[in-house]
Amino acid sequence: MTTVLSEKGQITIPKALRDQLGLKAGSILDFETIDGKLVATKKMPGDVFDKWCGRGRLPACKATDDYLELIRHGHVR
C-alpha cells in the first residue's frame, strides 16, 4: 500500500491498515527510523486504574475481605 506525503508532512494511513491495527481517531503513534525505514508503533494507553492505586482507605480495623463482605451485604453506606 502506498500513500502520498502532503505539503504539511502529513499522510493518510490506508483504511485497511487502520482497521487491521485498530487505529482510531486519537490513537497515539510513536515514530522512529530503523535501518533507513520509517517505523510507526501504536502506543498502548496505560492502565486506567493506575491513577487510583493506593487512594482508597479501608475503615479502621477492617481487613479487605471483611470490608468486601460488608459491602456485598449492604451493611456499609
Protein backbone atom coordinates (compact mmCIF):
# COMPACT_ATOMS: atom_id res chain seq x y z
CA MET A 1 0.00 0.00 0.00
CA THR A 2 1.25 3.46 -0.76
CA THR A 3 0.24 6.96 0.26
CA VAL A 4 1.41 10.46 -0.63
CA LEU A 5 3.07 12.87 1.78
CA SER A 6 1.27 16.23 1.86
CA GLU A 7 2.96 19.64 1.78
CA LYS A 8 2.47 19.79 5.56
CA GLY A 9 4.24 16.44 6.06
CA GLN A 10 1.01 14.54 6.71
CA ILE A 11 -0.01 11.13 5.42
CA THR A 12 -3.22 9.16 5.40
CA ILE A 13 -2.87 5.64 6.75
CA PRO A 14 -4.90 3.38 4.43
CA LYS A 15 -8.20 2.23 5.97
CA ALA A 16 -7.33 -1.46 5.64
CA LEU A 17 -4.23 -0.89 7.81
CA ARG A 18 -6.14 1.28 10.32
CA ASP A 19 -8.75 -1.46 10.68
CA GLN A 20 -6.13 -4.22 10.95
CA LEU A 21 -4.20 -2.35 13.65
CA GLY A 22 -7.22 -0.97 15.49
CA LEU A 23 -6.18 2.64 14.86
CA LYS A 24 -8.89 5.20 15.55
CA ALA A 25 -9.02 8.97 15.87
CA GLY A 26 -6.87 9.87 18.86
CA SER A 27 -4.63 6.78 18.62
CA ILE A 28 -1.05 7.63 19.52
CA LEU A 29 1.76 6.52 17.23
CA ASP A 30 5.46 6.57 18.07
CA PHE A 31 7.74 7.14 15.04
CA GLU A 32 11.37 6.08 14.65
CA THR A 33 13.79 5.15 11.91
CA ILE A 34 15.22 1.65 11.75
CA ASP A 35 17.75 0.81 9.02
CA GLY A 36 16.58 3.78 6.95
CA LYS A 37 12.88 2.87 7.26
CA LEU A 38 10.18 4.90 8.98
CA VAL A 39 8.53 2.70 11.60
CA ALA A 40 5.38 3.66 13.48
CA THR A 41 4.39 1.82 16.64
CA LYS A 42 0.95 2.06 18.20
CA LYS A 43 1.33 3.26 21.78
CA MET A 44 -0.85 1.35 24.20
CA PRO A 45 -2.61 3.51 26.76
CA GLY A 46 -1.61 2.99 30.38
CA ASP A 47 -3.79 1.08 32.78
CA VAL A 48 -6.77 3.31 33.57
CA PHE A 49 -6.73 2.06 37.18
CA ASP A 50 -3.09 3.00 37.89
CA LYS A 51 -4.04 6.54 38.91
CA TRP A 52 -6.32 5.14 41.65
CA CYS A 53 -3.81 2.67 43.10
CA GLY A 54 -3.34 3.33 46.81
CA ARG A 55 -6.02 6.04 47.00
CA GLY A 56 -8.72 4.09 48.80
CA ARG A 57 -8.78 3.74 52.55
CA LEU A 58 -10.45 0.97 54.50
CA PRO A 59 -12.40 1.78 57.63
CA ALA A 60 -10.28 1.38 60.75
CA CYS A 61 -9.64 -2.20 61.91
CA LYS A 62 -11.07 -3.81 58.77
CA ALA A 63 -9.31 -6.34 56.58
CA THR A 64 -10.01 -6.11 52.84
CA ASP A 65 -12.01 -9.35 52.76
CA ASP A 66 -14.11 -8.30 55.77
CA TYR A 67 -14.84 -4.91 54.18
CA LEU A 68 -15.84 -6.50 50.86
CA GLU A 69 -18.17 -8.88 52.69
CA LEU A 70 -19.87 -5.91 54.41
CA ILE A 71 -20.28 -4.09 51.09
CA ARG A 72 -21.75 -7.13 49.36
CA HIS A 73 -24.42 -7.45 52.02
CA GLY A 74 -25.31 -3.76 52.07
CA HIS A 75 -24.08 -3.06 55.60
CA VAL A 76 -21.85 -0.18 54.58
CA ARG A 77 -23.15 3.10 53.24
